[in-house]
PDB file of N, CA and C in Angstrom:
ATOM      1  N   MET A   1      84.653 178.363 118.226  1.00  0.00           N
ATOM      2  CA  MET A   1      84.329 177.659 119.434  1.00  0.00           C
ATOM      3  C   MET A   1      83.804 178.655 120.471  1.00  0.00           C
ATOM      4  N   VAL A   2      82.831 178.226 121.237  1.00  0.00           N
ATOM      5  CA  VAL A   2      82.277 179.025 122.325  1.00  0.00           C
ATOM      6  C   VAL A   2      82.560 178.297 123.639  1.00  0.00           C
ATOM      7  N   THR A   3      83.120 179.033 124.591  1.00  0.00           N
ATOM      8  CA  THR A   3      83.422 178.476 125.898  1.00  0.00           C
ATOM      9  C   THR A   3      82.642 179.243 126.955  1.00  0.00           C
ATOM     10  N   LEU A   4      82.006 178.524 127.859  1.00  0.00           N
ATOM     11  CA  LEU A   4      81.287 179.110 128.985  1.00  0.00           C
ATOM     12  C   LEU A   4      82.000 178.719 130.268  1.00  0.00           C
ATOM     13  N   LYS A   5      82.154 179.676 131.175  1.00  0.00           N
ATOM     14  CA  LYS A   5      82.896 179.407 132.402  1.00  0.00           C
ATOM     15  C   LYS A   5      82.253 180.156 133.566  1.00  0.00           C
ATOM     16  N   PRO A   6      81.907 179.446 134.639  1.00  0.00           N
ATOM     17  CA  PRO A   6      81.392 180.158 135.813  1.00  0.00           C
ATOM     18  C   PRO A   6      82.514 180.980 136.457  1.00  0.00           C
ATOM     19  N   ILE A   7      82.181 182.182 136.876  1.00  0.00           N
ATOM     20  CA  ILE A   7      83.135 183.068 137.538  1.00  0.00           C
ATOM     21  C   ILE A   7      82.492 183.507 138.848  1.00  0.00           C
ATOM     22  N   ILE A   8      83.191 183.294 139.947  1.00  0.00           N
ATOM     23  CA  ILE A   8      82.645 183.617 141.263  1.00  0.00           C
ATOM     24  C   ILE A   8      83.414 184.797 141.856  1.00  0.00           C
ATOM     25  N   ILE A   9      82.656 185.840 142.220  1.00  0.00           N
ATOM     26  CA  ILE A   9      83.214 187.025 142.868  1.00  0.00           C
ATOM     27  C   ILE A   9      82.360 187.283 144.106  1.00  0.00           C
ATOM     28  N   ASN A  10      82.993 187.282 145.281  1.00  0.00           N
ATOM     29  CA  ASN A  10      82.270 187.517 146.536  1.00  0.00           C
ATOM     30  C   ASN A  10      81.044 186.618 146.671  1.00  0.00           C
ATOM     31  N   ASN A  11      81.197 185.352 146.361  1.00  0.00           N
ATOM     32  CA  ASN A  11      80.126 184.354 146.450  1.00  0.00           C
ATOM     33  C   ASN A  11      78.965 184.602 145.487  1.00  0.00           C
ATOM     34  N   ILE A  12      79.186 185.426 144.475  1.00  0.00           N
ATOM     35  CA  ILE A  12      78.182 185.674 143.439  1.00  0.00           C
ATOM     36  C   ILE A  12      78.695 185.017 142.157  1.00  0.00           C
ATOM     37  N   THR A  13      77.852 184.231 141.507  1.00  0.00           N
ATOM     38  CA  THR A  13      78.268 183.536 140.295  1.00  0.00           C
ATOM     39  C   THR A  13      77.865 184.320 139.054  1.00  0.00           C
ATOM     40  N   PHE A  14      78.836 184.546 138.194  1.00  0.00           N
ATOM     41  CA  PHE A  14      78.653 185.197 136.902  1.00  0.00           C
ATOM     42  C   PHE A  14      78.998 184.177 135.831  1.00  0.00           C
ATOM     43  N   LEU A  15      78.667 184.480 134.593  1.00  0.00           N
ATOM     44  CA  LEU A  15      78.984 183.586 133.489  1.00  0.00           C
ATOM     45  C   LEU A  15      79.979 184.260 132.549  1.00  0.00           C
ATOM     46  N   GLY A  16      81.147 183.629 132.383  1.00  0.00           N
ATOM     47  CA  GLY A  16      82.140 184.108 131.431  1.00  0.00           C
ATOM     48  C   GLY A  16      81.908 183.424 130.093  1.00  0.00           C
ATOM     49  N   VAL A  17      81.958 184.203 129.018  1.00  0.00           N
ATOM     50  CA  VAL A  17      81.723 183.683 127.673  1.00  0.00           C
ATOM     51  C   VAL A  17      82.886 184.099 126.782  1.00  0.00           C
ATOM     52  N   VAL A  18      83.458 183.126 126.090  1.00  0.00           N
ATOM     53  CA  VAL A  18      84.512 183.395 125.113  1.00  0.00           C
ATOM     54  C   VAL A  18      84.049 182.845 123.775  1.00  0.00           C
ATOM     55  N   VAL A  19      84.013 183.702 122.764  1.00  0.00           N
ATOM     56  CA  VAL A  19      83.690 183.283 121.404  1.00  0.00           C
ATOM     57  C   VAL A  19      84.968 183.453 120.593  1.00  0.00           C
ATOM     58  N   GLU A  20      85.558 182.332 120.188  1.00  0.00           N
ATOM     59  CA  GLU A  20      86.799 182.377 119.426  1.00  0.00           C
ATOM     60  C   GLU A  20      86.482 182.549 117.946  1.00  0.00           C
ATOM     61  N   LEU A  21      87.025 183.622 117.385  1.00  0.00           N
ATOM     62  CA  LEU A  21      86.849 183.939 115.979  1.00  0.00           C
ATOM     63  C   LEU A  21      88.220 183.962 115.312  1.00  0.00           C
ATOM     64  N   PRO A  22      88.279 183.953 113.990  1.00  0.00           N
ATOM     65  CA  PRO A  22      89.590 184.071 113.338  1.00  0.00           C
ATOM     66  C   PRO A  22      90.292 185.366 113.771  1.00  0.00           C
ATOM     67  N   LYS A  23      91.473 185.239 114.299  1.00  0.00           N
ATOM     68  CA  LYS A  23      92.355 186.348 114.683  1.00  0.00           C
ATOM     69  C   LYS A  23      91.913 187.148 115.902  1.00  0.00           C
ATOM     70  N   THR A  24      90.817 186.769 116.545  1.00  0.00           N
ATOM     71  CA  THR A  24      90.385 187.478 117.754  1.00  0.00           C
ATOM     72  C   THR A  24      89.407 186.629 118.552  1.00  0.00           C
ATOM     73  N   SER A  25      89.090 187.078 119.736  1.00  0.00           N
ATOM     74  CA  SER A  25      88.067 186.444 120.573  1.00  0.00           C
ATOM     75  C   SER A  25      87.157 187.522 121.139  1.00  0.00           C
ATOM     76  N   LEU A  26      85.893 187.201 121.274  1.00  0.00           N
ATOM     77  CA  LEU A  26      84.952 188.077 121.955  1.00  0.00           C
ATOM     78  C   LEU A  26      84.834 187.587 123.386  1.00  0.00           C
ATOM     79  N   LEU A  27      84.945 188.488 124.342  1.00  0.00           N
ATOM     80  CA  LEU A  27      84.914 188.136 125.760  1.00  0.00           C
ATOM     81  C   LEU A  27      83.786 188.877 126.450  1.00  0.00           C
ATOM     82  N   ALA A  28      83.036 188.183 127.282  1.00  0.00           N
ATOM     83  CA  ALA A  28      81.981 188.820 128.063  1.00  0.00           C
ATOM     84  C   ALA A  28      81.837 188.101 129.396  1.00  0.00           C
ATOM     85  N   ILE A  29      81.472 188.874 130.408  1.00  0.00           N
ATOM     86  CA  ILE A  29      81.107 188.316 131.708  1.00  0.00           C
ATOM     87  C   ILE A  29      79.745 188.896 132.041  1.00  0.00           C
ATOM     88  N   THR A  30      78.771 188.019 132.302  1.00  0.00           N
ATOM     89  CA  THR A  30      77.392 188.457 132.473  1.00  0.00           C
ATOM     90  C   THR A  30      76.864 188.198 133.879  1.00  0.00           C
ATOM     91  N   SER A  31      75.938 189.063 134.251  1.00  0.00           N
ATOM     92  CA  SER A  31      75.136 188.852 135.456  1.00  0.00           C
ATOM     93  C   SER A  31      73.696 188.703 134.977  1.00  0.00           C
ATOM     94  N   ASP A  32      72.753 188.620 135.904  1.00  0.00           N
ATOM     95  CA  ASP A  32      71.351 188.528 135.499  1.00  0.00           C
ATOM     96  C   ASP A  32      70.838 189.825 134.874  1.00  0.00           C
ATOM     97  N   SER A  33      71.503 190.947 135.174  1.00  0.00           N
ATOM     98  CA  SER A  33      70.980 192.233 134.707  1.00  0.00           C
ATOM     99  C   SER A  33      71.864 192.978 133.715  1.00  0.00           C
ATOM    100  N   GLY A  34      73.129 192.589 133.597  1.00  0.00           N
ATOM    101  CA  GLY A  34      74.024 193.317 132.700  1.00  0.00           C
ATOM    102  C   GLY A  34      75.270 192.526 132.387  1.00  0.00           C
ATOM    103  N   TYR A  35      76.215 193.200 131.732  1.00  0.00           N
ATOM    104  CA  TYR A  35      77.437 192.512 131.341  1.00  0.00           C
ATOM    105  C   TYR A  35      78.581 193.484 131.128  1.00  0.00           C
ATOM    106  N   VAL A  36      79.788 192.919 131.190  1.00  0.00           N
ATOM    107  CA  VAL A  36      81.016 193.622 130.840  1.00  0.00           C
ATOM    108  C   VAL A  36      81.616 192.853 129.679  1.00  0.00           C
ATOM    109  N   MET A  37      82.148 193.589 128.712  1.00  0.00           N
ATOM    110  CA  MET A  37      82.656 192.943 127.511  1.00  0.00           C
ATOM    111  C   MET A  37      83.980 193.578 127.089  1.00  0.00           C
ATOM    112  N   CYS A  38      84.658 192.915 126.186  1.00  0.00           N
ATOM    113  CA  CYS A  38      85.914 193.404 125.629  1.00  0.00           C
ATOM    114  C   CYS A  38      85.651 194.583 124.694  1.00  0.00           C
ATOM    115  N   GLY A  39      86.692 195.056 124.039  1.00  0.00           N
ATOM    116  CA  GLY A  39      86.619 196.214 123.163  1.00  0.00           C
ATOM    117  C   GLY A  39      85.675 196.086 121.986  1.00  0.00           C
ATOM    118  N   ALA A  40      85.182 194.901 121.688  1.00  0.00           N
ATOM    119  CA  ALA A  40      84.257 194.720 120.569  1.00  0.00           C
ATOM    120  C   ALA A  40      82.879 195.320 120.860  1.00  0.00           C
ATOM    121  N   LEU A  41      82.594 195.601 122.124  1.00  0.00           N
ATOM    122  CA  LEU A  41      81.297 196.161 122.502  1.00  0.00           C
ATOM    123  C   LEU A  41      81.201 197.616 122.051  1.00  0.00           C
ATOM    124  N   ASP A  42      80.127 197.973 121.384  1.00  0.00           N
ATOM    125  CA  ASP A  42      79.908 199.331 120.887  1.00  0.00           C
ATOM    126  C   ASP A  42      78.990 200.087 121.852  1.00  0.00           C
ATOM    127  N   ILE A  43      79.586 200.753 122.827  1.00  0.00           N
ATOM    128  CA  ILE A  43      78.824 201.498 123.827  1.00  0.00           C
ATOM    129  C   ILE A  43      77.999 202.596 123.157  1.00  0.00           C
ATOM    130  N   GLY A  44      78.565 203.246 122.157  1.00  0.00           N
ATOM    131  CA  GLY A  44      77.840 204.304 121.453  1.00  0.00           C
ATOM    132  C   GLY A  44      76.542 203.806 120.861  1.00  0.00           C
ATOM    133  N   LEU A  45      76.562 202.645 120.262  1.00  0.00           N
ATOM    134  CA  LEU A  45      75.347 202.054 119.697  1.00  0.00           C
ATOM    135  C   LEU A  45      74.318 201.786 120.787  1.00  0.00           C
ATOM    136  N   LEU A  46      74.773 201.235 121.907  1.00  0.00           N
ATOM    137  CA  LEU A  46      73.855 200.932 123.007  1.00  0.00           C
ATOM    138  C   LEU A  46      73.246 202.211 123.585  1.00  0.00           C
ATOM    139  N   ASN A  47      74.054 203.265 123.689  1.00  0.00           N
ATOM    140  CA  ASN A  47      73.569 204.519 124.255  1.00  0.00           C
ATOM    141  C   ASN A  47      72.707 205.320 123.282  1.00  0.00           C
ATOM    142  N   ASP A  48      72.972 205.207 122.000  1.00  0.00           N
ATOM    143  CA  ASP A  48      72.258 206.024 121.019  1.00  0.00           C
ATOM    144  C   ASP A  48      71.060 205.304 120.418  1.00  0.00           C
ATOM    145  N   ARG A  49      71.312 204.306 119.644  1.00  0.00           N
ATOM    146  CA  ARG A  49      70.235 203.640 118.909  1.00  0.00           C
ATOM    147  C   ARG A  49      69.398 202.695 119.755  1.00  0.00           C
ATOM    148  N   LEU A  50      69.981 202.161 120.824  1.00  0.00           N
ATOM    149  CA  LEU A  50      69.258 201.185 121.642  1.00  0.00           C
ATOM    150  C   LEU A  50      68.961 201.708 123.044  1.00  0.00           C
ATOM    151  N   LYS A  51      68.998 203.031 123.229  1.00  0.00           N
ATOM    152  CA  LYS A  51      68.853 203.595 124.572  1.00  0.00           C
ATOM    153  C   LYS A  51      67.525 203.255 125.232  1.00  0.00           C
ATOM    154  N   ASP A  52      66.485 203.031 124.435  1.00  0.00           N
ATOM    155  CA  ASP A  52      65.186 202.684 125.012  1.00  0.00           C
ATOM    156  C   ASP A  52      65.195 201.309 125.682  1.00  0.00           C
ATOM    157  N   ARG A  53      66.188 200.492 125.366  1.00  0.00           N
ATOM    158  CA  ARG A  53      66.300 199.162 126.004  1.00  0.00           C
ATOM    159  C   ARG A  53      66.966 199.223 127.371  1.00  0.00           C
ATOM    160  N   LYS A  54      67.606 200.344 127.691  1.00  0.00           N
ATOM    161  CA  LYS A  54      68.253 200.552 128.990  1.00  0.00           C
ATOM    162  C   LYS A  54      69.231 199.419 129.322  1.00  0.00           C
ATOM    163  N   ILE A  55      70.153 199.176 128.412  1.00  0.00           N
ATOM    164  CA  ILE A  55      71.116 198.084 128.563  1.00  0.00           C
ATOM    165  C   ILE A  55      72.196 198.475 129.569  1.00  0.00           C
ATOM    166  N   LEU A  56      72.402 197.595 130.533  1.00  0.00           N
ATOM    167  CA  LEU A  56      73.392 197.778 131.589  1.00  0.00           C
ATOM    168  C   LEU A  56      74.672 197.074 131.155  1.00  0.00           C
ATOM    169  N   ALA A  57      75.694 197.866 130.761  1.00  0.00           N
ATOM    170  CA  ALA A  57      76.907 197.248 130.219  1.00  0.00           C
ATOM    171  C   ALA A  57      78.118 198.152 130.394  1.00  0.00           C
ATOM    172  N   GLY A  58      79.279 197.507 130.374  1.00  0.00           N
ATOM    173  CA  GLY A  58      80.553 198.218 130.417  1.00  0.00           C
ATOM    174  C   GLY A  58      81.534 197.569 129.467  1.00  0.00           C
ATOM    175  N   ARG A  59      82.562 198.338 129.089  1.00  0.00           N
ATOM    176  CA  ARG A  59      83.551 197.865 128.114  1.00  0.00           C
ATOM    177  C   ARG A  59      84.949 198.083 128.667  1.00  0.00           C
ATOM    178  N   ALA A  60      85.777 197.058 128.528  1.00  0.00           N
ATOM    179  CA  ALA A  60      87.202 197.151 128.862  1.00  0.00           C
ATOM    180  C   ALA A  60      87.992 196.820 127.599  1.00  0.00           C
ATOM    181  N   VAL A  61      89.044 197.555 127.350  1.00  0.00           N
ATOM    182  CA  VAL A  61      89.825 197.349 126.127  1.00  0.00           C
ATOM    183  C   VAL A  61      91.206 196.784 126.450  1.00  0.00           C
ATOM    184  N   GLY A  62      91.822 196.194 125.422  1.00  0.00           N
ATOM    185  CA  GLY A  62      93.172 195.666 125.574  1.00  0.00           C
ATOM    186  C   GLY A  62      93.253 194.350 126.321  1.00  0.00           C
ATOM    187  N   VAL A  63      92.154 193.615 126.373  1.00  0.00           N
ATOM    188  CA  VAL A  63      92.137 192.333 127.084  1.00  0.00           C
ATOM    189  C   VAL A  63      92.010 191.191 126.082  1.00  0.00           C
ATOM    190  N   LYS A  64      92.652 190.071 126.390  1.00  0.00           N
ATOM    191  CA  LYS A  64      92.633 188.925 125.478  1.00  0.00           C
ATOM    192  C   LYS A  64      92.098 187.655 126.124  1.00  0.00           C
ATOM    193  N   THR A  65      91.856 187.696 127.439  1.00  0.00           N
ATOM    194  CA  THR A  65      91.338 186.529 128.159  1.00  0.00           C
ATOM    195  C   THR A  65      90.310 186.987 129.184  1.00  0.00           C
ATOM    196  N   LEU A  66      89.508 186.054 129.668  1.00  0.00           N
ATOM    197  CA  LEU A  66      88.564 186.394 130.736  1.00  0.00           C
ATOM    198  C   LEU A  66      89.288 186.871 131.982  1.00  0.00           C
ATOM    199  N   GLU A  67      90.427 186.273 132.275  1.00  0.00           N
ATOM    200  CA  GLU A  67      91.194 186.668 133.449  1.00  0.00           C
ATOM    201  C   GLU A  67      91.658 188.118 133.327  1.00  0.00           C
ATOM    202  N   GLU A  68      92.125 188.507 132.127  1.00  0.00           N
ATOM    203  CA  GLU A  68      92.524 189.898 131.902  1.00  0.00           C
ATOM    204  C   GLU A  68      91.321 190.828 132.002  1.00  0.00           C
ATOM    205  N   LEU A  69      90.184 190.398 131.490  1.00  0.00           N
ATOM    206  CA  LEU A  69      88.967 191.199 131.582  1.00  0.00           C
ATOM    207  C   LEU A  69      88.593 191.430 133.042  1.00  0.00           C
ATOM    208  N   LEU A  70      88.678 190.399 133.855  1.00  0.00           N
ATOM    209  CA  LEU A  70      88.354 190.527 135.279  1.00  0.00           C
ATOM    210  C   LEU A  70      89.259 191.521 136.005  1.00  0.00           C
ATOM    211  N   GLU A  71      90.500 191.628 135.576  1.00  0.00           N
ATOM    212  CA  GLU A  71      91.474 192.503 136.241  1.00  0.00           C
ATOM    213  C   GLU A  71      91.521 193.899 135.634  1.00  0.00           C
ATOM    214  N   ALA A  72      90.734 194.154 134.607  1.00  0.00           N
ATOM    215  CA  ALA A  72      90.777 195.428 133.888  1.00  0.00           C
ATOM    216  C   ALA A  72      89.898 196.483 134.560  1.00  0.00           C
ATOM    217  N   SER A  73      90.009 197.691 134.035  1.00  0.00           N
ATOM    218  CA  SER A  73      89.134 198.799 134.404  1.00  0.00           C
ATOM    219  C   SER A  73      88.245 199.121 133.211  1.00  0.00           C
ATOM    220  N   LEU A  74      87.107 199.701 133.482  1.00  0.00           N
ATOM    221  CA  LEU A  74      86.166 200.024 132.416  1.00  0.00           C
ATOM    222  C   LEU A  74      86.631 201.248 131.629  1.00  0.00           C
ATOM    223  N   GLU A  75      86.618 201.124 130.334  1.00  0.00           N
ATOM    224  CA  GLU A  75      86.983 202.217 129.435  1.00  0.00           C
ATOM    225  C   GLU A  75      85.764 203.063 129.106  1.00  0.00           C
ATOM    226  N   SER A  76      84.585 202.453 129.094  1.00  0.00           N
ATOM    227  CA  SER A  76      83.336 203.165 128.848  1.00  0.00           C
ATOM    228  C   SER A  76      82.177 202.350 129.391  1.00  0.00           C
ATOM    229  N   VAL A  77      81.073 203.034 129.650  1.00  0.00           N
ATOM    230  CA  VAL A  77      79.879 202.379 130.203  1.00  0.00           C
ATOM    231  C   VAL A  77      78.632 202.977 129.561  1.00  0.00           C
ATOM    232  N   THR A  78      77.540 202.247 129.626  1.00  0.00           N
ATOM    233  CA  THR A  78      76.271 202.751 129.101  1.00  0.00           C
ATOM    234  C   THR A  78      75.644 203.733 130.089  1.00  0.00           C
ATOM    235  N   PHE A  79      74.679 204.496 129.581  1.00  0.00           N
ATOM    236  CA  PHE A  79      73.954 205.430 130.448  1.00  0.00           C
ATOM    237  C   PHE A  79      73.284 204.693 131.603  1.00  0.00           C
ATOM    238  N   GLU A  80      72.747 203.514 131.320  1.00  0.00           N
ATOM    239  CA  GLU A  80      72.075 202.728 132.365  1.00  0.00           C
ATOM    240  C   GLU A  80      73.066 202.314 133.450  1.00  0.00           C
ATOM    241  N   ALA A  81      74.285 201.971 133.063  1.00  0.00           N
ATOM    242  CA  ALA A  81      75.320 201.629 134.042  1.00  0.00           C
ATOM    243  C   ALA A  81      75.643 202.852 134.907  1.00  0.00           C
ATOM    244  N   GLU A  82      75.757 204.007 134.271  1.00  0.00           N
ATOM    245  CA  GLU A  82      76.020 205.236 135.031  1.00  0.00           C
ATOM    246  C   GLU A  82      74.930 205.491 136.064  1.00  0.00           C
ATOM    247  N   ARG A  83      73.687 205.224 135.701  1.00  0.00           N
ATOM    248  CA  ARG A  83      72.577 205.430 136.638  1.00  0.00           C
ATOM    249  C   ARG A  83      72.719 204.539 137.880  1.00  0.00           C
ATOM    250  N   LEU A  84      73.375 203.400 137.704  1.00  0.00           N
ATOM    251  CA  LEU A  84      73.570 202.457 138.806  1.00  0.00           C
ATOM    252  C   LEU A  84      74.844 202.770 139.606  1.00  0.00           C
ATOM    253  N   GLY A  85      75.613 203.765 139.162  1.00  0.00           N
ATOM    254  CA  GLY A  85      76.838 204.131 139.868  1.00  0.00           C
ATOM    255  C   GLY A  85      78.089 203.469 139.310  1.00  0.00           C
ATOM    256  N   ILE A  86      77.982 202.859 138.153  1.00  0.00           N
ATOM    257  CA  ILE A  86      79.130 202.244 137.484  1.00  0.00           C
ATOM    258  C   ILE A  86      79.748 203.304 136.586  1.00  0.00           C
ATOM    259  N   THR A  87      81.052 203.526 136.737  1.00  0.00           N
ATOM    260  CA  THR A  87      81.698 204.632 136.044  1.00  0.00           C
ATOM    261  C   THR A  87      82.922 204.195 135.252  1.00  0.00           C
ATOM    262  N   LYS A  88      83.283 205.017 134.294  1.00  0.00           N
ATOM    263  CA  LYS A  88      84.520 204.825 133.539  1.00  0.00           C
ATOM    264  C   LYS A  88      85.683 204.794 134.533  1.00  0.00           C
ATOM    265  N   GLY A  89      86.599 203.854 134.355  1.00  0.00           N
ATOM    266  CA  GLY A  89      87.743 203.718 135.251  1.00  0.00           C
ATOM    267  C   GLY A  89      87.512 202.758 136.407  1.00  0.00           C
ATOM    268  N   MET A  90      86.265 202.385 136.657  1.00  0.00           N
ATOM    269  CA  MET A  90      85.937 201.451 137.740  1.00  0.00           C
ATOM    270  C   MET A  90      86.489 200.069 137.417  1.00  0.00           C
ATOM    271  N   ALA A  91      86.898 199.340 138.435  1.00  0.00           N
ATOM    272  CA  ALA A  91      87.357 197.972 138.253  1.00  0.00           C
ATOM    273  C   ALA A  91      86.198 197.106 137.764  1.00  0.00           C
ATOM    274  N   VAL A  92      86.481 196.219 136.838  1.00  0.00           N
ATOM    275  CA  VAL A  92      85.448 195.333 136.288  1.00  0.00           C
ATOM    276  C   VAL A  92      84.765 194.533 137.390  1.00  0.00           C
ATOM    277  N   LYS A  93      85.547 193.995 138.304  1.00  0.00           N
ATOM    278  CA  LYS A  93      84.958 193.210 139.400  1.00  0.00           C
ATOM    279  C   LYS A  93      83.965 194.036 140.203  1.00  0.00           C
ATOM    280  N   GLU A  94      84.312 195.268 140.511  1.00  0.00           N
ATOM    281  CA  GLU A  94      83.411 196.142 141.264  1.00  0.00           C
ATOM    282  C   GLU A  94      82.127 196.410 140.468  1.00  0.00           C
ATOM    283  N   ALA A  95      82.276 196.640 139.178  1.00  0.00           N
ATOM    284  CA  ALA A  95      81.105 196.885 138.330  1.00  0.00           C
ATOM    285  C   ALA A  95      80.196 195.666 138.293  1.00  0.00           C
ATOM    286  N   LEU A  96      80.774 194.489 138.163  1.00  0.00           N
ATOM    287  CA  LEU A  96      79.971 193.270 138.126  1.00  0.00           C
ATOM    288  C   LEU A  96      79.181 193.073 139.419  1.00  0.00           C
ATOM    289  N   ILE A  97      79.808 193.367 140.539  1.00  0.00           N
ATOM    290  CA  ILE A  97      79.109 193.241 141.822  1.00  0.00           C
ATOM    291  C   ILE A  97      77.921 194.208 141.859  1.00  0.00           C
ATOM    292  N   LYS A  98      78.095 195.430 141.356  1.00  0.00           N
ATOM    293  CA  LYS A  98      76.991 196.388 141.316  1.00  0.00           C
ATOM    294  C   LYS A  98      75.881 195.910 140.386  1.00  0.00           C
ATOM    295  N   MET A  99      76.250 195.133 139.362  1.00  0.00           N
ATOM    296  CA  MET A  99      75.255 194.620 138.403  1.00  0.00           C
ATOM    297  C   MET A  99      74.473 193.436 138.951  1.00  0.00           C
ATOM    298  N   SER A 100      74.980 192.814 140.000  1.00  0.00           N
ATOM    299  CA  SER A 100      74.330 191.579 140.494  1.00  0.00           C
ATOM    300  C   SER A 100      73.115 191.884 141.343  1.00  0.00           C
TER     301      SER A 100
END
């Protein structure tokens, strides 16, 4: 099952996405320019093999719901996110605002 949920932070609307899979869920919150995702996101792949796409993304680990993802800190970020001032350890909400 796929669930879509609007998420509002500081009057900015983001889209929360939950993909329920056997024994796990994929979680993402997107803006028009980037996204934050659960531990399933492979930052290394985005930075190495897909670096020419300049993907703006961050990863938080140990989260099981969109609410937990929103309250988490970033465990890793892409090079493009770093260029925008989004850093490892930054609050997800703060990163999303920078992505908007």
